[in-house]
Every structure is written in structure tokens, then in C-alpha cells.
N, C-alpha and C. Protein backbone atom coordinates (compact mmCIF):
# COMPACT_ATOMS: atom_id res chain seq x y z
N MET A 1 -33.08 5.41 -8.74
CA MET A 1 -31.88 5.70 -9.49
C MET A 1 -31.03 4.44 -9.56
N GLN A 2 -30.68 4.07 -10.76
CA GLN A 2 -29.84 2.88 -10.96
C GLN A 2 -28.37 3.29 -11.02
N LEU A 3 -27.53 2.46 -10.47
CA LEU A 3 -26.09 2.67 -10.53
C LEU A 3 -25.48 1.62 -11.43
N SER A 4 -24.51 2.03 -12.22
CA SER A 4 -23.82 1.06 -13.07
C SER A 4 -22.81 0.28 -12.24
N ARG A 5 -22.39 -0.81 -12.79
CA ARG A 5 -21.37 -1.63 -12.14
C ARG A 5 -20.09 -0.82 -11.94
N GLU A 6 -19.74 -0.01 -12.95
CA GLU A 6 -18.53 0.80 -12.88
C GLU A 6 -18.62 1.83 -11.76
N GLU A 7 -19.79 2.42 -11.55
CA GLU A 7 -19.96 3.39 -10.47
C GLU A 7 -19.78 2.73 -9.10
N VAL A 8 -20.34 1.55 -8.95
CA VAL A 8 -20.20 0.82 -7.68
C VAL A 8 -18.74 0.44 -7.46
N GLU A 9 -18.08 -0.03 -8.49
CA GLU A 9 -16.67 -0.40 -8.36
C GLU A 9 -15.81 0.81 -8.05
N HIS A 10 -16.17 1.97 -8.62
CA HIS A 10 -15.42 3.20 -8.33
C HIS A 10 -15.58 3.58 -6.87
N VAL A 11 -16.81 3.54 -6.36
CA VAL A 11 -17.04 3.87 -4.94
C VAL A 11 -16.28 2.89 -4.06
N ALA A 12 -16.31 1.61 -4.41
CA ALA A 12 -15.59 0.61 -3.62
C ALA A 12 -14.09 0.88 -3.63
N SER A 13 -13.56 1.30 -4.77
CA SER A 13 -12.12 1.57 -4.85
C SER A 13 -11.74 2.77 -4.00
N LEU A 14 -12.63 3.75 -3.88
CA LEU A 14 -12.35 4.91 -3.03
C LEU A 14 -12.17 4.50 -1.58
N PHE A 15 -12.88 3.45 -1.18
CA PHE A 15 -12.78 2.95 0.19
C PHE A 15 -11.84 1.75 0.29
N ARG A 16 -11.14 1.50 -0.81
CA ARG A 16 -10.17 0.39 -0.88
C ARG A 16 -10.82 -0.95 -0.54
N LEU A 17 -12.01 -1.16 -1.10
CA LEU A 17 -12.72 -2.41 -0.90
C LEU A 17 -12.59 -3.28 -2.14
N SER A 18 -12.34 -4.54 -1.93
CA SER A 18 -12.39 -5.48 -3.04
C SER A 18 -13.67 -6.30 -2.86
N LEU A 19 -14.51 -6.27 -3.87
CA LEU A 19 -15.83 -6.89 -3.76
C LEU A 19 -15.95 -8.10 -4.67
N LYS A 20 -16.68 -9.10 -4.20
CA LYS A 20 -17.04 -10.24 -5.04
C LYS A 20 -18.20 -9.82 -5.94
N GLU A 21 -18.43 -10.58 -6.97
CA GLU A 21 -19.51 -10.26 -7.91
C GLU A 21 -20.86 -10.14 -7.21
N SER A 22 -21.15 -11.04 -6.29
CA SER A 22 -22.43 -10.99 -5.59
C SER A 22 -22.52 -9.73 -4.72
N GLU A 23 -21.40 -9.30 -4.16
CA GLU A 23 -21.39 -8.09 -3.35
C GLU A 23 -21.60 -6.84 -4.20
N VAL A 24 -21.05 -6.84 -5.41
CA VAL A 24 -21.25 -5.70 -6.31
C VAL A 24 -22.73 -5.58 -6.64
N GLN A 25 -23.37 -6.68 -6.95
CA GLN A 25 -24.79 -6.64 -7.29
C GLN A 25 -25.64 -6.20 -6.10
N GLN A 26 -25.33 -6.70 -4.91
CA GLN A 26 -26.08 -6.30 -3.72
C GLN A 26 -25.87 -4.83 -3.39
N LEU A 27 -24.64 -4.36 -3.57
CA LEU A 27 -24.34 -2.96 -3.31
C LEU A 27 -25.05 -2.06 -4.31
N ARG A 28 -25.18 -2.49 -5.56
CA ARG A 28 -25.94 -1.71 -6.54
C ARG A 28 -27.38 -1.51 -6.07
N ILE A 29 -27.97 -2.57 -5.54
CA ILE A 29 -29.35 -2.51 -5.05
C ILE A 29 -29.43 -1.60 -3.82
N ASP A 30 -28.53 -1.81 -2.86
CA ASP A 30 -28.56 -1.05 -1.61
C ASP A 30 -28.33 0.43 -1.84
N LEU A 31 -27.33 0.77 -2.64
CA LEU A 31 -27.06 2.18 -2.90
C LEU A 31 -28.19 2.85 -3.68
N ALA A 32 -28.81 2.11 -4.59
CA ALA A 32 -29.95 2.66 -5.34
C ALA A 32 -31.10 2.96 -4.38
N ASP A 33 -31.34 2.07 -3.42
CA ASP A 33 -32.40 2.31 -2.43
C ASP A 33 -32.11 3.56 -1.60
N ILE A 34 -30.87 3.73 -1.20
CA ILE A 34 -30.50 4.90 -0.40
C ILE A 34 -30.70 6.17 -1.22
N LEU A 35 -30.24 6.16 -2.45
CA LEU A 35 -30.38 7.35 -3.30
C LEU A 35 -31.85 7.66 -3.59
N ASN A 36 -32.66 6.62 -3.73
CA ASN A 36 -34.10 6.84 -3.95
C ASN A 36 -34.75 7.49 -2.74
N GLN A 37 -34.30 7.17 -1.54
CA GLN A 37 -34.84 7.80 -0.35
C GLN A 37 -34.51 9.29 -0.32
N PHE A 38 -33.34 9.65 -0.79
CA PHE A 38 -32.99 11.07 -0.87
C PHE A 38 -33.84 11.78 -1.92
N GLU A 39 -34.20 11.10 -2.98
CA GLU A 39 -35.08 11.69 -3.99
C GLU A 39 -36.44 12.01 -3.38
N VAL A 40 -36.93 11.14 -2.50
CA VAL A 40 -38.20 11.39 -1.81
C VAL A 40 -38.09 12.67 -0.97
N LEU A 41 -36.97 12.84 -0.29
CA LEU A 41 -36.76 14.03 0.52
C LEU A 41 -36.73 15.29 -0.34
N ASN A 42 -36.18 15.19 -1.54
CA ASN A 42 -36.14 16.35 -2.44
C ASN A 42 -37.52 16.81 -2.86
N GLU A 43 -38.50 15.93 -2.80
CA GLU A 43 -39.85 16.27 -3.22
C GLU A 43 -40.62 17.02 -2.13
N LEU A 44 -40.13 17.04 -0.91
CA LEU A 44 -40.83 17.70 0.18
C LEU A 44 -40.79 19.21 0.02
N ASP A 45 -41.92 19.85 0.33
CA ASP A 45 -42.00 21.30 0.30
C ASP A 45 -41.51 21.84 1.65
N THR A 46 -40.39 22.52 1.64
CA THR A 46 -39.83 23.05 2.88
C THR A 46 -39.93 24.57 2.93
N GLY A 47 -40.76 25.14 2.10
CA GLY A 47 -40.91 26.59 2.04
C GLY A 47 -41.42 27.19 3.33
N ASP A 48 -42.26 26.47 4.07
CA ASP A 48 -42.82 26.99 5.32
C ASP A 48 -41.99 26.64 6.55
N VAL A 49 -40.90 25.93 6.36
CA VAL A 49 -40.08 25.50 7.49
C VAL A 49 -39.18 26.66 7.91
N SER A 50 -39.25 26.99 9.19
CA SER A 50 -38.41 28.08 9.69
C SER A 50 -37.07 27.54 10.15
N LEU A 51 -36.14 28.45 10.34
CA LEU A 51 -34.82 28.07 10.85
C LEU A 51 -34.94 27.53 12.26
N ILE A 52 -33.95 26.79 12.66
CA ILE A 52 -33.91 26.29 14.02
C ILE A 52 -33.82 27.49 14.96
N LYS A 53 -34.62 27.44 16.02
CA LYS A 53 -34.64 28.57 16.95
C LYS A 53 -33.24 28.82 17.50
N GLY A 54 -32.81 30.04 17.40
CA GLY A 54 -31.49 30.41 17.90
C GLY A 54 -30.39 30.29 16.87
N SER A 55 -30.68 29.70 15.70
CA SER A 55 -29.62 29.51 14.72
C SER A 55 -29.07 30.82 14.20
N GLU A 56 -29.89 31.87 14.23
CA GLU A 56 -29.40 33.17 13.76
C GLU A 56 -28.37 33.75 14.72
N GLN A 57 -28.28 33.19 15.93
CA GLN A 57 -27.32 33.68 16.92
C GLN A 57 -26.07 32.81 16.99
N MET A 58 -26.00 31.79 16.14
CA MET A 58 -24.85 30.89 16.17
C MET A 58 -23.58 31.62 15.75
N GLN A 59 -22.50 31.23 16.35
CA GLN A 59 -21.22 31.83 16.02
C GLN A 59 -20.14 30.77 16.13
N ASN A 60 -19.00 31.09 15.62
CA ASN A 60 -17.87 30.19 15.69
C ASN A 60 -17.40 30.12 17.14
N VAL A 61 -17.37 28.92 17.70
CA VAL A 61 -16.99 28.77 19.10
C VAL A 61 -15.60 28.14 19.25
N MET A 62 -14.87 28.08 18.14
CA MET A 62 -13.54 27.49 18.21
C MET A 62 -12.56 28.51 18.77
N ARG A 63 -11.60 28.02 19.49
CA ARG A 63 -10.60 28.90 20.09
C ARG A 63 -9.65 29.41 19.02
N ALA A 64 -8.97 30.48 19.33
CA ALA A 64 -7.98 31.03 18.42
C ALA A 64 -6.78 30.09 18.36
N ASP A 65 -6.16 30.01 17.22
CA ASP A 65 -4.98 29.17 17.03
C ASP A 65 -3.76 29.95 17.52
N GLU A 66 -3.25 29.55 18.67
CA GLU A 66 -2.12 30.25 19.27
C GLU A 66 -0.96 29.29 19.45
N SER A 67 0.23 29.78 19.20
CA SER A 67 1.40 28.92 19.38
C SER A 67 1.75 28.86 20.87
N GLY A 68 2.38 27.78 21.24
CA GLY A 68 2.77 27.59 22.63
C GLY A 68 3.95 26.65 22.70
N GLN A 69 4.22 26.15 23.88
CA GLN A 69 5.32 25.22 24.07
C GLN A 69 4.96 23.85 23.50
N PRO A 70 5.84 23.24 22.73
CA PRO A 70 5.54 21.92 22.19
C PRO A 70 5.58 20.86 23.28
N PHE A 71 4.87 19.75 23.04
CA PHE A 71 4.92 18.64 23.98
C PHE A 71 6.31 18.01 23.91
N PRO A 72 6.78 17.46 25.01
CA PRO A 72 8.07 16.77 24.98
C PRO A 72 8.00 15.55 24.06
N GLN A 73 9.05 15.36 23.28
CA GLN A 73 9.07 14.27 22.31
C GLN A 73 8.88 12.91 22.98
N LYS A 74 9.50 12.70 24.12
CA LYS A 74 9.36 11.41 24.81
C LYS A 74 7.91 11.14 25.19
N GLU A 75 7.18 12.18 25.59
CA GLU A 75 5.78 12.03 25.97
C GLU A 75 4.92 11.69 24.75
N ILE A 76 5.21 12.30 23.63
CA ILE A 76 4.44 12.04 22.41
C ILE A 76 4.67 10.62 21.93
N LEU A 77 5.90 10.15 21.99
CA LEU A 77 6.24 8.83 21.46
C LEU A 77 6.04 7.70 22.46
N ALA A 78 5.62 8.01 23.67
CA ALA A 78 5.53 7.00 24.73
C ALA A 78 4.61 5.84 24.38
N ASN A 79 3.51 6.08 23.69
CA ASN A 79 2.55 5.01 23.40
C ASN A 79 2.63 4.49 21.97
N ALA A 80 3.63 4.90 21.23
CA ALA A 80 3.75 4.46 19.84
C ALA A 80 4.12 2.98 19.81
N PRO A 81 3.40 2.18 18.99
CA PRO A 81 3.72 0.75 18.94
C PRO A 81 5.04 0.47 18.23
N ASN A 82 5.41 1.29 17.25
CA ASN A 82 6.65 1.08 16.50
C ASN A 82 7.37 2.41 16.32
N LEU A 83 8.64 2.42 16.69
CA LEU A 83 9.46 3.61 16.54
C LEU A 83 10.70 3.28 15.73
N GLU A 84 11.16 4.29 14.99
CA GLU A 84 12.42 4.15 14.28
C GLU A 84 13.09 5.52 14.27
N ASP A 85 14.25 5.64 14.86
CA ASP A 85 14.98 6.92 14.93
C ASP A 85 14.11 8.02 15.51
N TYR A 86 13.42 7.74 16.61
CA TYR A 86 12.56 8.71 17.30
C TYR A 86 11.44 9.24 16.40
N GLN A 87 10.94 8.39 15.52
CA GLN A 87 9.82 8.74 14.64
C GLN A 87 8.82 7.60 14.64
N PHE A 88 7.54 7.93 14.37
CA PHE A 88 6.53 6.89 14.24
C PHE A 88 6.84 6.04 13.02
N GLN A 89 6.78 4.75 13.17
CA GLN A 89 6.96 3.86 12.03
C GLN A 89 5.58 3.30 11.68
N VAL A 90 5.15 3.54 10.44
CA VAL A 90 3.83 3.13 9.99
C VAL A 90 3.96 2.31 8.72
N PRO A 91 2.95 1.46 8.43
CA PRO A 91 3.03 0.67 7.21
C PRO A 91 2.85 1.55 5.98
N ASN A 92 3.48 1.15 4.89
CA ASN A 92 3.36 1.86 3.63
C ASN A 92 2.00 1.58 3.02
N ILE A 93 1.24 2.62 2.69
CA ILE A 93 -0.10 2.41 2.12
C ILE A 93 -0.23 3.00 0.73
N ILE A 94 0.82 3.59 0.21
CA ILE A 94 0.78 4.19 -1.12
C ILE A 94 0.96 3.08 -2.15
N GLU A 95 0.06 3.08 -3.14
CA GLU A 95 0.10 2.07 -4.18
C GLU A 95 0.47 2.73 -5.50
N ASP A 96 1.19 1.99 -6.33
CA ASP A 96 1.47 2.48 -7.69
C ASP A 96 0.21 2.37 -8.52
N GLN A 97 -0.01 3.38 -9.35
CA GLN A 97 -1.22 3.34 -10.18
C GLN A 97 -0.87 3.15 -11.62
């Protein structure tokens, strides 16, 4: 499967990557190889493959979401590298489009 330059640039933008021309070309090749490997897997006959033993007994093992006492604010903010007015201060990452 071949990928267009625009598709590679779109994927790179999703990960906020800026690529050089040589990197775009190499990524086109690498991603095409990966997608071709998945195509090989799609050709396998899995009709005779049974479920993983015990999978029919699987269940949700997550605990119930219950409210409780909140952590003390000082304890939460103790390891924060930057604070402003008792709040985490983080860099702005929103870009205008």
C-alpha cells in the first residue's frame, strides 16, 4: 500500500512532527511496509482458531467509582515544578489554526 505525501504529512501533523523532505520520503516507505505486513495478516484463515482459554469467563475487574475525601491541596501541589495562585502552571500548547 502506497501512501501519498499528504497522508504522511497529515500523520506527522497529528503528532506535531515537523519533517524534512528526506524524512517524509523515508516515512512513506516505512509506513507502507508496516501496512503491507497487516495486509499479510488479513490473508490468514482464522476460522479454526478458538478463543483464548478462559476468555469466556472474563469480566470487568475495575472497582466502582466512589466519591471520598479529596487529597489535601498542599500534598497535590508539593511536587509541581511551577505554581501560580495555588494552581499548576503549564506551557501554552494551543495553536491558532
